[in-house]
């Protein structure tokens, strides 16, 4: 018997047309959903929105996930994002943790990330704790470090009073548009990658969207251990009197998605250039080409415009669970008027 490699199996999985279990789920709509041509006459609606079927009954979402994981993974592979809405069995952080564990993915420790976060329960953390009036620009989760999550889960425990949507956008669409409009720039990105520079204090700064201090970044108060963990990430450290400077890279800014056989825009370039700003950090210096030369401001801001135009802003409702394929989808956060509590979990 021929044994297929894992990546071959994953590629084949994307070609399978598994049937929706109509006794469990019904597809719903969002106002801003995008429709893309996937080739061969097939279309993709982004994101997929699943609500409980009238036949769902008193089933628990975590049990339905365990029963239908192959089908759900085929949907995620096709569209990149699934929003589960209207499932009464998901109302707390603990319920959300059960949903994450039902998928069976391994947990990814949050080492090297920039956002201030707090563990809530099990594998569940707060999402970025930066002030509500601040916008968080588009990014792939932890794209600025070599080891990043493959799946990102979000859960709305308290829906926003006003605003607070999570815009999402397909990475390969951004790559295609940027390659068409700025071919020389994209070629330079592919050749040189990106350098990310960040200055950290010892403790977290909740007033900053990148306010994670070096103690929580490396999960230790020991500078020797922090240096060892940074080295494993390929990160250079420069200690200062009141903190340290981290330099990461060059990191590839364009990747090839093996399971979907296409190039993707996988970086935190726009997020760093437009959002990595606080008392310690200048966003223009936060990211450069991998050879150290500055990025062209006009191209970065035009890329942000393209990201906004192609995005779908998910308006949160209490109990929503959003699953993103981190290779396929970038995400952001719009400012909001409290209350709002959205939790997250990162998986490999």
C-alpha atoms as a PDB file:
ATOM      1  CA  UNK A   1       0.000   0.000   0.000  1.00  0.00           C
ATOM      2  CA  UNK A   2       1.288   3.431  -0.909  1.00  0.00           C
ATOM      3  CA  UNK A   3       1.744   5.682   2.083  1.00  0.00           C
ATOM      4  CA  UNK A   4       0.991   9.328   1.360  1.00  0.00           C
ATOM      5  CA  UNK A   5       2.939  12.046   3.087  1.00  0.00           C
ATOM      6  CA  UNK A   6       1.092  14.346   5.479  1.00  0.00           C
ATOM      7  CA  UNK A   7       1.219  17.338   3.129  1.00  0.00           C
ATOM      8  CA  UNK A   8      -0.162  15.200   0.290  1.00  0.00           C
ATOM      9  CA  UNK A   9      -3.050  14.114   2.471  1.00  0.00           C
ATOM     10  CA  UNK A  10      -3.736  17.705   3.432  1.00  0.00           C
ATOM     11  CA  UNK A  11      -3.709  18.730  -0.195  1.00  0.00           C
ATOM     12  CA  UNK A  12      -6.127  15.946  -1.106  1.00  0.00           C
ATOM     13  CA  UNK A  13      -8.379  16.916   1.781  1.00  0.00           C
ATOM     14  CA  UNK A  14      -8.821  20.330   0.226  1.00  0.00           C
ATOM     15  CA  UNK A  15     -10.164  18.689  -2.926  1.00  0.00           C
ATOM     16  CA  UNK A  16     -12.736  16.538  -1.188  1.00  0.00           C
ATOM     17  CA  UNK A  17     -16.317  17.749  -1.305  1.00  0.00           C
ATOM     18  CA  UNK A  18     -17.644  16.541   2.004  1.00  0.00           C
ATOM     19  CA  UNK A  19     -21.371  16.956   2.543  1.00  0.00           C
ATOM     20  CA  UNK A  20     -22.653  19.324   5.167  1.00  0.00           C
ATOM     21  CA  UNK A  21     -24.331  17.438   8.047  1.00  0.00           C
ATOM     22  CA  UNK A  22     -27.718  19.141   7.672  1.00  0.00           C
ATOM     23  CA  UNK A  23     -28.926  17.614  10.922  1.00  0.00           C
ATOM     24  CA  UNK A  24     -26.358  19.781  12.695  1.00  0.00           C
ATOM     25  CA  UNK A  25     -25.539  22.932  10.733  1.00  0.00           C
ATOM     26  CA  UNK A  26     -27.017  25.473   8.338  1.00  0.00           C
ATOM     27  CA  UNK A  27     -25.018  28.104   6.471  1.00  0.00           C
ATOM     28  CA  UNK A  28     -25.966  31.677   7.292  1.00  0.00           C
ATOM     29  CA  UNK A  29     -24.819  35.067   5.995  1.00  0.00           C
ATOM     30  CA  UNK A  30     -23.017  38.214   7.047  1.00  0.00           C
ATOM     31  CA  UNK A  31     -23.795  41.578   5.497  1.00  0.00           C
ATOM     32  CA  UNK A  32     -20.248  42.088   4.185  1.00  0.00           C
ATOM     33  CA  UNK A  33     -19.425  38.546   3.074  1.00  0.00           C
ATOM     34  CA  UNK A  34     -17.143  38.317   0.040  1.00  0.00           C
ATOM     35  CA  UNK A  35     -17.575  35.952  -2.885  1.00  0.00           C
ATOM     36  CA  UNK A  36     -14.539  34.736  -4.801  1.00  0.00           C
ATOM     37  CA  UNK A  37     -14.132  32.496  -7.820  1.00  0.00           C
ATOM     38  CA  UNK A  38     -12.138  29.427  -6.787  1.00  0.00           C
ATOM     39  CA  UNK A  39     -11.748  28.111 -10.313  1.00  0.00           C
ATOM     40  CA  UNK A  40     -13.534  25.279 -12.138  1.00  0.00           C
ATOM     41  CA  UNK A  41     -16.751  27.199 -11.737  1.00  0.00           C
ATOM     42  CA  UNK A  42     -16.590  26.894  -7.962  1.00  0.00           C
ATOM     43  CA  UNK A  43     -17.186  29.851  -5.691  1.00  0.00           C
ATOM     44  CA  UNK A  44     -16.019  30.668  -2.178  1.00  0.00           C
ATOM     45  CA  UNK A  45     -18.071  32.659   0.304  1.00  0.00           C
ATOM     46  CA  UNK A  46     -15.834  34.273   2.914  1.00  0.00           C
ATOM     47  CA  UNK A  47     -16.186  33.651   5.780  1.00  0.00           C
ATOM     48  CA  UNK A  48     -18.325  30.547   6.240  1.00  0.00           C
ATOM     49  CA  UNK A  49     -21.035  31.209   8.831  1.00  0.00           C
ATOM     50  CA  UNK A  50     -22.542  28.164  10.550  1.00  0.00           C
ATOM     51  CA  UNK A  51     -25.623  28.259  12.754  1.00  0.00           C
ATOM     52  CA  UNK A  52     -27.408  25.302  14.415  1.00  0.00           C
ATOM     53  CA  UNK A  53     -29.868  23.385  12.269  1.00  0.00           C
ATOM     54  CA  UNK A  54     -33.459  23.140  13.535  1.00  0.00           C
ATOM     55  CA  UNK A  55     -32.564  19.456  14.087  1.00  0.00           C
ATOM     56  CA  UNK A  56     -29.530  20.334  16.231  1.00  0.00           C
ATOM     57  CA  UNK A  57     -31.648  19.982  19.359  1.00  0.00           C
ATOM     58  CA  UNK A  58     -29.871  19.888  22.700  1.00  0.00           C
ATOM     59  CA  UNK A  59     -26.540  18.769  21.269  1.00  0.00           C
ATOM     60  CA  UNK A  60     -23.370  20.426  22.511  1.00  0.00           C
ATOM     61  CA  UNK A  61     -21.211  22.221  19.929  1.00  0.00           C
ATOM     62  CA  UNK A  62     -18.060  20.481  21.180  1.00  0.00           C
ATOM     63  CA  UNK A  63     -19.675  17.083  20.521  1.00  0.00           C
ATOM     64  CA  UNK A  64     -20.767  18.151  17.046  1.00  0.00           C
ATOM     65  CA  UNK A  65     -17.208  19.282  16.316  1.00  0.00           C
ATOM     66  CA  UNK A  66     -15.770  15.923  17.381  1.00  0.00           C
ATOM     67  CA  UNK A  67     -18.293  14.120  15.175  1.00  0.00           C
ATOM     68  CA  UNK A  68     -17.738  16.338  12.140  1.00  0.00           C
ATOM     69  CA  UNK A  69     -14.093  17.376  12.361  1.00  0.00           C
ATOM     70  CA  UNK A  70     -13.117  16.117   8.847  1.00  0.00           C
ATOM     71  CA  UNK A  71     -15.976  18.077   7.283  1.00  0.00           C
ATOM     72  CA  UNK A  72     -15.150  21.215   9.298  1.00  0.00           C
ATOM     73  CA  UNK A  73     -11.496  21.004   8.326  1.00  0.00           C
ATOM     74  CA  UNK A  74     -12.475  20.710   4.661  1.00  0.00           C
ATOM     75  CA  UNK A  75     -14.588  23.864   5.031  1.00  0.00           C
ATOM     76  CA  UNK A  76     -11.752  25.700   6.789  1.00  0.00           C
ATOM     77  CA  UNK A  77      -9.321  24.598   4.088  1.00  0.00           C
ATOM     78  CA  UNK A  78     -11.648  25.929   1.406  1.00  0.00           C
ATOM     79  CA  UNK A  79     -12.667  29.272   2.912  1.00  0.00           C
ATOM     80  CA  UNK A  80     -10.052  30.049   5.601  1.00  0.00           C
ATOM     81  CA  UNK A  81     -12.531  31.138   8.281  1.00  0.00           C
ATOM     82  CA  UNK A  82     -15.576  29.700  10.068  1.00  0.00           C
ATOM     83  CA  UNK A  83     -17.897  31.706  12.318  1.00  0.00           C
ATOM     84  CA  UNK A  84     -20.019  29.573  14.660  1.00  0.00           C
ATOM     85  CA  UNK A  85     -23.028  31.623  15.746  1.00  0.00           C
ATOM     86  CA  UNK A  86     -26.115  30.932  17.839  1.00  0.00           C
ATOM     87  CA  UNK A  87     -24.907  27.851  19.739  1.00  0.00           C
ATOM     88  CA  UNK A  88     -26.359  28.125  23.247  1.00  0.00           C
ATOM     89  CA  UNK A  89     -23.870  25.618  24.658  1.00  0.00           C
ATOM     90  CA  UNK A  90     -21.061  28.201  24.315  1.00  0.00           C
ATOM     91  CA  UNK A  91     -21.547  31.031  26.799  1.00  0.00           C
ATOM     92  CA  UNK A  92     -18.416  31.117  28.972  1.00  0.00           C
ATOM     93  CA  UNK A  93     -14.631  30.978  28.744  1.00  0.00           C
ATOM     94  CA  UNK A  94     -14.764  27.396  29.989  1.00  0.00           C
ATOM     95  CA  UNK A  95     -17.236  26.441  27.241  1.00  0.00           C
ATOM     96  CA  UNK A  96     -14.935  28.067  24.698  1.00  0.00           C
ATOM     97  CA  UNK A  97     -11.984  26.088  26.053  1.00  0.00           C
ATOM     98  CA  UNK A  98     -14.031  22.895  25.528  1.00  0.00           C
ATOM     99  CA  UNK A  99     -14.699  23.899  21.910  1.00  0.00           C
ATOM    100  CA  UNK A 100     -10.996  24.515  21.261  1.00  0.00           C
ATOM    101  CA  UNK A 101     -10.035  21.177  22.792  1.00  0.00           C
ATOM    102  CA  UNK A 102     -12.724  19.382  20.748  1.00  0.00           C
ATOM    103  CA  UNK A 103     -10.753  20.122  17.587  1.00  0.00           C
ATOM    104  CA  UNK A 104      -7.751  18.285  19.014  1.00  0.00           C
ATOM    105  CA  UNK A 105      -5.076  20.751  17.900  1.00  0.00           C
ATOM    106  CA  UNK A 106      -1.919  21.216  19.965  1.00  0.00           C
ATOM    107  CA  UNK A 107      -1.617  24.402  21.997  1.00  0.00           C
ATOM    108  CA  UNK A 108       1.006  26.992  21.005  1.00  0.00           C
ATOM    109  CA  UNK A 109       2.605  28.845  23.951  1.00  0.00           C
ATOM    110  CA  UNK A 110       2.531  32.614  23.445  1.00  0.00           C
ATOM    111  CA  UNK A 111       6.296  33.157  23.384  1.00  0.00           C
ATOM    112  CA  UNK A 112       7.663  36.066  21.348  1.00  0.00           C
ATOM    113  CA  UNK A 113       4.339  37.791  20.710  1.00  0.00           C
ATOM    114  CA  UNK A 114       3.851  41.527  21.254  1.00  0.00           C
ATOM    115  CA  UNK A 115       0.289  41.853  22.552  1.00  0.00           C
ATOM    116  CA  UNK A 116      -0.442  42.056  26.296  1.00  0.00           C
ATOM    117  CA  UNK A 117      -2.581  39.029  27.233  1.00  0.00           C
ATOM    118  CA  UNK A 118      -3.758  37.217  30.354  1.00  0.00           C
ATOM    119  CA  UNK A 119      -4.582  33.541  30.803  1.00  0.00           C
ATOM    120  CA  UNK A 120      -8.270  33.042  31.644  1.00  0.00           C
ATOM    121  CA  UNK A 121      -8.801  29.281  31.803  1.00  0.00           C
ATOM    122  CA  UNK A 122      -7.067  26.276  30.250  1.00  0.00           C
ATOM    123  CA  UNK A 123      -5.906  27.213  26.762  1.00  0.00           C
ATOM    124  CA  UNK A 124      -7.892  30.470  26.701  1.00  0.00           C
ATOM    125  CA  UNK A 125      -6.371  33.953  26.945  1.00  0.00           C
ATOM    126  CA  UNK A 126      -7.647  37.470  26.603  1.00  0.00           C
ATOM    127  CA  UNK A 127      -7.124  38.891  23.142  1.00  0.00           C
ATOM    128  CA  UNK A 128      -5.057  42.072  22.815  1.00  0.00           C
ATOM    129  CA  UNK A 129      -5.671  44.134  25.967  1.00  0.00           C
ATOM    130  CA  UNK A 130      -4.719  47.483  24.428  1.00  0.00           C
ATOM    131  CA  UNK A 131      -7.091  50.422  25.120  1.00  0.00           C
ATOM    132  CA  UNK A 132     -10.479  50.280  23.361  1.00  0.00           C
ATOM    133  CA  UNK A 133      -9.932  53.508  21.430  1.00  0.00           C
ATOM    134  CA  UNK A 134      -6.945  52.004  19.617  1.00  0.00           C
ATOM    135  CA  UNK A 135      -7.213  50.214  16.302  1.00  0.00           C
ATOM    136  CA  UNK A 136      -5.167  47.040  15.835  1.00  0.00           C
ATOM    137  CA  UNK A 137      -3.988  46.836  12.191  1.00  0.00           C
ATOM    138  CA  UNK A 138      -4.084  43.759   9.966  1.00  0.00           C
ATOM    139  CA  UNK A 139      -1.623  40.976  10.719  1.00  0.00           C
ATOM    140  CA  UNK A 140      -1.130  37.241  10.782  1.00  0.00           C
ATOM    141  CA  UNK A 141      -0.788  36.090  14.370  1.00  0.00           C
ATOM    142  CA  UNK A 142       2.907  36.042  15.380  1.00  0.00           C
ATOM    143  CA  UNK A 143       4.089  36.386  11.766  1.00  0.00           C
ATOM    144  CA  UNK A 144       7.155  38.209  13.083  1.00  0.00           C
ATOM    145  CA  UNK A 145       8.573  35.056  14.715  1.00  0.00           C
ATOM    146  CA  UNK A 146       9.524  31.700  13.140  1.00  0.00           C
ATOM    147  CA  UNK A 147       7.034  29.599  15.151  1.00  0.00           C
ATOM    148  CA  UNK A 148       3.502  30.868  14.697  1.00  0.00           C
ATOM    149  CA  UNK A 149       0.049  29.342  15.245  1.00  0.00           C
ATOM    150  CA  UNK A 150      -1.639  27.557  12.370  1.00  0.00           C
ATOM    151  CA  UNK A 151      -5.109  28.091  13.852  1.00  0.00           C
ATOM    152  CA  UNK A 152      -6.467  31.060  15.815  1.00  0.00           C
ATOM    153  CA  UNK A 153      -9.726  30.877  17.765  1.00  0.00           C
ATOM    154  CA  UNK A 154     -11.716  33.870  19.029  1.00  0.00           C
ATOM    155  CA  UNK A 155     -14.755  33.875  21.334  1.00  0.00           C
ATOM    156  CA  UNK A 156     -17.111  36.714  22.210  1.00  0.00           C
ATOM    157  CA  UNK A 157     -17.927  36.532  25.912  1.00  0.00           C
ATOM    158  CA  UNK A 158     -19.284  40.108  26.065  1.00  0.00           C
ATOM    159  CA  UNK A 159     -20.372  41.745  22.829  1.00  0.00           C
ATOM    160  CA  UNK A 160     -19.286  45.351  22.224  1.00  0.00           C
ATOM    161  CA  UNK A 161     -21.601  48.228  22.955  1.00  0.00           C
ATOM    162  CA  UNK A 162     -20.418  50.039  19.832  1.00  0.00           C
ATOM    163  CA  UNK A 163     -17.778  48.976  17.260  1.00  0.00           C
ATOM    164  CA  UNK A 164     -15.118  46.415  18.103  1.00  0.00           C
ATOM    165  CA  UNK A 165     -15.542  44.372  14.923  1.00  0.00           C
ATOM    166  CA  UNK A 166     -12.793  41.960  13.862  1.00  0.00           C
ATOM    167  CA  UNK A 167     -12.021  42.542  10.165  1.00  0.00           C
ATOM    168  CA  UNK A 168     -10.587  39.512   8.359  1.00  0.00           C
ATOM    169  CA  UNK A 169      -9.107  39.214   4.867  1.00  0.00           C
ATOM    170  CA  UNK A 170      -7.747  36.427   2.654  1.00  0.00           C
ATOM    171  CA  UNK A 171      -3.961  36.517   2.441  1.00  0.00           C
ATOM    172  CA  UNK A 172      -3.599  35.200  -1.109  1.00  0.00           C
ATOM    173  CA  UNK A 173      -5.964  37.904  -2.377  1.00  0.00           C
ATOM    174  CA  UNK A 174      -3.703  40.576  -0.859  1.00  0.00           C
ATOM    175  CA  UNK A 175      -0.612  38.945  -2.342  1.00  0.00           C
ATOM    176  CA  UNK A 176      -2.190  38.846  -5.818  1.00  0.00           C
ATOM    177  CA  UNK A 177      -3.267  42.490  -5.673  1.00  0.00           C
ATOM    178  CA  UNK A 178       0.063  43.725  -4.296  1.00  0.00           C
ATOM    179  CA  UNK A 179       2.010  41.677  -6.858  1.00  0.00           C
ATOM    180  CA  UNK A 180      -0.062  43.146  -9.655  1.00  0.00           C
ATOM    181  CA  UNK A 181       0.228  46.748  -8.423  1.00  0.00           C
ATOM    182  CA  UNK A 182       3.745  46.770  -6.920  1.00  0.00           C
ATOM    183  CA  UNK A 183       5.715  43.919  -8.529  1.00  0.00           C
ATOM    184  CA  UNK A 184       9.151  45.388  -7.752  1.00  0.00           C
ATOM    185  CA  UNK A 185       8.249  45.941  -4.090  1.00  0.00           C
ATOM    186  CA  UNK A 186       6.922  42.397  -3.727  1.00  0.00           C
ATOM    187  CA  UNK A 187      10.037  41.028  -5.423  1.00  0.00           C
ATOM    188  CA  UNK A 188      12.174  42.862  -2.846  1.00  0.00           C
ATOM    189  CA  UNK A 189      10.055  41.438  -0.036  1.00  0.00           C
ATOM    190  CA  UNK A 190      10.548  37.942  -1.406  1.00  0.00           C
ATOM    191  CA  UNK A 191      14.286  38.477  -1.781  1.00  0.00           C
ATOM    192  CA  UNK A 192      15.063  40.220   1.530  1.00  0.00           C
ATOM    193  CA  UNK A 193      12.174  39.498   3.905  1.00  0.00           C
ATOM    194  CA  UNK A 194      11.567  41.844   6.839  1.00  0.00           C
ATOM    195  CA  UNK A 195      13.334  42.921  10.027  1.00  0.00           C
ATOM    196  CA  UNK A 196      11.131  43.620  13.063  1.00  0.00           C
ATOM    197  CA  UNK A 197      12.494  45.779  15.882  1.00  0.00           C
ATOM    198  CA  UNK A 198      10.754  46.350  19.219  1.00  0.00           C
ATOM    199  CA  UNK A 199      11.781  47.967  22.510  1.00  0.00           C
ATOM    200  CA  UNK A 200      10.319  46.311  25.623  1.00  0.00           C
ATOM    201  CA  UNK A 201      10.127  47.276  29.265  1.00  0.00           C
ATOM    202  CA  UNK A 202      10.325  44.674  31.988  1.00  0.00           C
ATOM    203  CA  UNK A 203       6.600  44.718  32.787  1.00  0.00           C
ATOM    204  CA  UNK A 204       3.538  44.847  30.537  1.00  0.00           C
ATOM    205  CA  UNK A 205       2.236  48.251  29.465  1.00  0.00           C
ATOM    206  CA  UNK A 206      -1.567  48.002  29.130  1.00  0.00           C
ATOM    207  CA  UNK A 207      -1.709  51.400  27.413  1.00  0.00           C
ATOM    208  CA  UNK A 208       0.158  50.033  24.376  1.00  0.00           C
ATOM    209  CA  UNK A 209      -1.030  47.603  21.659  1.00  0.00           C
ATOM    210  CA  UNK A 210       2.492  46.115  21.742  1.00  0.00           C
ATOM    211  CA  UNK A 211       2.965  46.570  25.480  1.00  0.00           C
ATOM    212  CA  UNK A 212       3.987  43.047  26.360  1.00  0.00           C
ATOM    213  CA  UNK A 213       7.073  43.300  28.611  1.00  0.00           C
ATOM    214  CA  UNK A 214      10.087  41.024  28.288  1.00  0.00           C
ATOM    215  CA  UNK A 215       9.128  38.995  31.383  1.00  0.00           C
ATOM    216  CA  UNK A 216       5.812  37.883  29.890  1.00  0.00           C
ATOM    217  CA  UNK A 217       7.220  37.754  26.360  1.00  0.00           C
ATOM    218  CA  UNK A 218       9.732  35.082  27.366  1.00  0.00           C
ATOM    219  CA  UNK A 219       7.728  33.701  30.332  1.00  0.00           C
ATOM    220  CA  UNK A 220      10.609  34.216  32.762  1.00  0.00           C
ATOM    221  CA  UNK A 221      12.229  36.838  35.002  1.00  0.00           C
ATOM    222  CA  UNK A 222      15.666  35.328  34.421  1.00  0.00           C
ATOM    223  CA  UNK A 223      17.617  37.253  31.760  1.00  0.00           C
ATOM    224  CA  UNK A 224      19.748  34.213  30.947  1.00  0.00           C
ATOM    225  CA  UNK A 225      16.676  32.065  30.277  1.00  0.00           C
ATOM    226  CA  UNK A 226      15.104  34.928  28.309  1.00  0.00           C
ATOM    227  CA  UNK A 227      18.216  35.114  26.138  1.00  0.00           C
ATOM    228  CA  UNK A 228      18.132  31.343  25.578  1.00  0.00           C
ATOM    229  CA  UNK A 229      14.483  31.461  24.520  1.00  0.00           C
ATOM    230  CA  UNK A 230      15.140  34.432  22.263  1.00  0.00           C
ATOM    231  CA  UNK A 231      18.017  32.558  20.626  1.00  0.00           C
ATOM    232  CA  UNK A 232      15.710  29.625  19.856  1.00  0.00           C
ATOM    233  CA  UNK A 233      13.492  32.074  17.990  1.00  0.00           C
ATOM    234  CA  UNK A 234      16.463  33.540  16.151  1.00  0.00           C
ATOM    235  CA  UNK A 235      15.872  36.834  17.958  1.00  0.00           C
ATOM    236  CA  UNK A 236      18.722  39.198  18.851  1.00  0.00           C
ATOM    237  CA  UNK A 237      18.582  41.002  22.212  1.00  0.00           C
ATOM    238  CA  UNK A 238      20.208  44.270  23.304  1.00  0.00           C
ATOM    239  CA  UNK A 239      19.728  44.886  27.041  1.00  0.00           C
ATOM    240  CA  UNK A 240      19.249  48.471  28.230  1.00  0.00           C
ATOM    241  CA  UNK A 241      19.028  50.060  31.677  1.00  0.00           C
ATOM    242  CA  UNK A 242      15.244  49.686  31.849  1.00  0.00           C
ATOM    243  CA  UNK A 243      14.456  46.917  29.364  1.00  0.00           C
ATOM    244  CA  UNK A 244      15.695  45.561  26.064  1.00  0.00           C
ATOM    245  CA  UNK A 245      15.607  45.936  22.316  1.00  0.00           C
ATOM    246  CA  UNK A 246      14.651  42.906  20.224  1.00  0.00           C
ATOM    247  CA  UNK A 247      15.544  42.430  16.561  1.00  0.00           C
ATOM    248  CA  UNK A 248      13.837  39.632  14.674  1.00  0.00           C
ATOM    249  CA  UNK A 249      14.726  38.548  11.200  1.00  0.00           C
ATOM    250  CA  UNK A 250      15.114  38.656   8.374  1.00  0.00           C
ATOM    251  CA  UNK A 251      11.742  36.872   8.378  1.00  0.00           C
ATOM    252  CA  UNK A 252      10.077  35.862   5.082  1.00  0.00           C
ATOM    253  CA  UNK A 253       7.216  38.217   4.224  1.00  0.00           C
ATOM    254  CA  UNK A 254       5.799  36.003   1.476  1.00  0.00           C
ATOM    255  CA  UNK A 255       5.166  32.306   2.033  1.00  0.00           C
ATOM    256  CA  UNK A 256       3.976  29.445  -0.117  1.00  0.00           C
ATOM    257  CA  UNK A 257       0.902  27.704   1.260  1.00  0.00           C
ATOM    258  CA  UNK A 258       1.711  24.075   0.490  1.00  0.00           C
ATOM    259  CA  UNK A 259      -1.785  22.746   1.159  1.00  0.00           C
ATOM    260  CA  UNK A 260      -3.439  25.220  -1.211  1.00  0.00           C
ATOM    261  CA  UNK A 261      -0.524  25.575  -3.657  1.00  0.00           C
ATOM    262  CA  UNK A 262      -0.426  29.370  -3.725  1.00  0.00           C
ATOM    263  CA  UNK A 263       1.638  32.300  -2.481  1.00  0.00           C
ATOM    264  CA  UNK A 264       0.358  34.243   0.519  1.00  0.00           C
ATOM    265  CA  UNK A 265       0.959  37.656   2.070  1.00  0.00           C
ATOM    266  CA  UNK A 266       2.226  36.420   5.458  1.00  0.00           C
ATOM    267  CA  UNK A 267       3.663  39.237   7.549  1.00  0.00           C
ATOM    268  CA  UNK A 268       2.985  41.922  10.158  1.00  0.00           C
ATOM    269  CA  UNK A 269       4.377  44.691   7.982  1.00  0.00           C
ATOM    270  CA  UNK A 270       1.357  47.011   7.976  1.00  0.00           C
ATOM    271  CA  UNK A 271       0.642  46.324  11.653  1.00  0.00           C
ATOM    272  CA  UNK A 272       4.198  47.197  12.668  1.00  0.00           C
ATOM    273  CA  UNK A 273       4.569  50.211  10.366  1.00  0.00           C
ATOM    274  CA  UNK A 274       1.242  51.794  11.327  1.00  0.00           C
ATOM    275  CA  UNK A 275       0.571  50.429  14.801  1.00  0.00           C
ATOM    276  CA  UNK A 276       3.739  49.575  16.751  1.00  0.00           C
ATOM    277  CA  UNK A 277       3.815  52.936  18.477  1.00  0.00           C
ATOM    278  CA  UNK A 278       4.170  53.762  22.155  1.00  0.00           C
ATOM    279  CA  UNK A 279       6.531  55.617  24.489  1.00  0.00           C
ATOM    280  CA  UNK A 280       9.384  53.274  23.548  1.00  0.00           C
ATOM    281  CA  UNK A 281       8.713  52.524  19.876  1.00  0.00           C
ATOM    282  CA  UNK A 282       8.644  54.425  16.589  1.00  0.00           C
ATOM    283  CA  UNK A 283       6.526  52.440  14.095  1.00  0.00           C
ATOM    284  CA  UNK A 284       8.522  53.636  11.066  1.00  0.00           C
ATOM    285  CA  UNK A 285      11.633  52.069  12.611  1.00  0.00           C
ATOM    286  CA  UNK A 286       9.776  48.962  13.801  1.00  0.00           C
ATOM    287  CA  UNK A 287       9.929  47.210  10.426  1.00  0.00           C
ATOM    288  CA  UNK A 288      12.316  47.465   7.467  1.00  0.00           C
ATOM    289  CA  UNK A 289      13.406  45.345   4.536  1.00  0.00           C
ATOM    290  CA  UNK A 290      15.579  42.463   5.667  1.00  0.00           C
ATOM    291  CA  UNK A 291      18.693  44.334   4.504  1.00  0.00           C
ATOM    292  CA  UNK A 292      17.826  47.221   6.854  1.00  0.00           C
ATOM    293  CA  UNK A 293      16.610  49.703   4.237  1.00  0.00           C
ATOM    294  CA  UNK A 294      13.394  51.618   4.997  1.00  0.00           C
ATOM    295  CA  UNK A 295      10.052  50.613   3.554  1.00  0.00           C
ATOM    296  CA  UNK A 296       8.284  53.043   1.173  1.00  0.00           C
ATOM    297  CA  UNK A 297       5.506  54.748   3.152  1.00  0.00           C
ATOM    298  CA  UNK A 298       3.205  55.205   0.144  1.00  0.00           C
ATOM    299  CA  UNK A 299       3.228  51.482  -0.622  1.00  0.00           C
ATOM    300  CA  UNK A 300       2.550  50.523   3.007  1.00  0.00           C
ATOM    301  CA  UNK A 301      -0.420  52.869   3.249  1.00  0.00           C
ATOM    302  CA  UNK A 302      -1.785  51.695  -0.098  1.00  0.00           C
ATOM    303  CA  UNK A 303      -1.460  48.108   1.124  1.00  0.00           C
ATOM    304  CA  UNK A 304      -3.507  49.086   4.173  1.00  0.00           C
ATOM    305  CA  UNK A 305      -6.151  50.511   1.846  1.00  0.00           C
ATOM    306  CA  UNK A 306      -6.278  47.248  -0.115  1.00  0.00           C
ATOM    307  CA  UNK A 307      -6.560  45.262   3.101  1.00  0.00           C
ATOM    308  CA  UNK A 308      -9.519  47.387   4.193  1.00  0.00           C
ATOM    309  CA  UNK A 309     -11.244  47.109   0.814  1.00  0.00           C
ATOM    310  CA  UNK A 310     -10.962  43.326   0.684  1.00  0.00           C
ATOM    311  CA  UNK A 311     -11.831  42.690   4.331  1.00  0.00           C
ATOM    312  CA  UNK A 312     -15.013  41.478   5.990  1.00  0.00           C
ATOM    313  CA  UNK A 313     -15.634  43.087   9.387  1.00  0.00           C
ATOM    314  CA  UNK A 314     -17.151  40.457  11.689  1.00  0.00           C
ATOM    315  CA  UNK A 315     -19.631  42.131  14.099  1.00  0.00           C
ATOM    316  CA  UNK A 316     -19.472  40.241  17.389  1.00  0.00           C
ATOM    317  CA  UNK A 317     -22.472  38.663  19.102  1.00  0.00           C
ATOM    318  CA  UNK A 318     -22.275  36.996  22.492  1.00  0.00           C
ATOM    319  CA  UNK A 319     -21.361  33.317  22.106  1.00  0.00           C
ATOM    320  CA  UNK A 320     -19.712  33.700  18.687  1.00  0.00           C
ATOM    321  CA  UNK A 321     -16.716  31.458  17.998  1.00  0.00           C
ATOM    322  CA  UNK A 322     -14.470  32.431  15.080  1.00  0.00           C
ATOM    323  CA  UNK A 323     -11.907  29.934  13.781  1.00  0.00           C
ATOM    324  CA  UNK A 324      -9.217  31.285  11.449  1.00  0.00           C
ATOM    325  CA  UNK A 325      -6.605  29.463   9.415  1.00  0.00           C
ATOM    326  CA  UNK A 326      -3.650  31.699  10.276  1.00  0.00           C
ATOM    327  CA  UNK A 327      -1.895  30.930   6.986  1.00  0.00           C
ATOM    328  CA  UNK A 328      -4.928  31.901   4.928  1.00  0.00           C
ATOM    329  CA  UNK A 329      -6.337  34.891   6.810  1.00  0.00           C
ATOM    330  CA  UNK A 330      -5.131  38.171   8.329  1.00  0.00           C
ATOM    331  CA  UNK A 331      -7.151  39.818  11.086  1.00  0.00           C
ATOM    332  CA  UNK A 332      -7.463  43.207  12.798  1.00  0.00           C
ATOM    333  CA  UNK A 333      -9.544  44.973  15.483  1.00  0.00           C
ATOM    334  CA  UNK A 334     -11.610  48.109  15.229  1.00  0.00           C
ATOM    335  CA  UNK A 335     -11.921  50.570  18.132  1.00  0.00           C
ATOM    336  CA  UNK A 336     -14.926  50.093  20.398  1.00  0.00           C
ATOM    337  CA  UNK A 337     -16.950  51.492  23.241  1.00  0.00           C
ATOM    338  CA  UNK A 338     -16.879  49.121  26.234  1.00  0.00           C
ATOM    339  CA  UNK A 339     -17.948  46.698  27.353  1.00  0.00           C
ATOM    340  CA  UNK A 340     -16.313  44.150  25.069  1.00  0.00           C
ATOM    341  CA  UNK A 341     -14.575  40.908  25.983  1.00  0.00           C
ATOM    342  CA  UNK A 342     -13.191  38.726  23.211  1.00  0.00           C
ATOM    343  CA  UNK A 343     -11.011  35.768  24.192  1.00  0.00           C
ATOM    344  CA  UNK A 344      -8.504  33.840  22.095  1.00  0.00           C
ATOM    345  CA  UNK A 345      -6.640  30.562  21.793  1.00  0.00           C
ATOM    346  CA  UNK A 346      -3.629  29.701  19.606  1.00  0.00           C
ATOM    347  CA  UNK A 347      -3.008  26.241  18.142  1.00  0.00           C
ATOM    348  CA  UNK A 348      -0.462  24.486  15.946  1.00  0.00           C
END
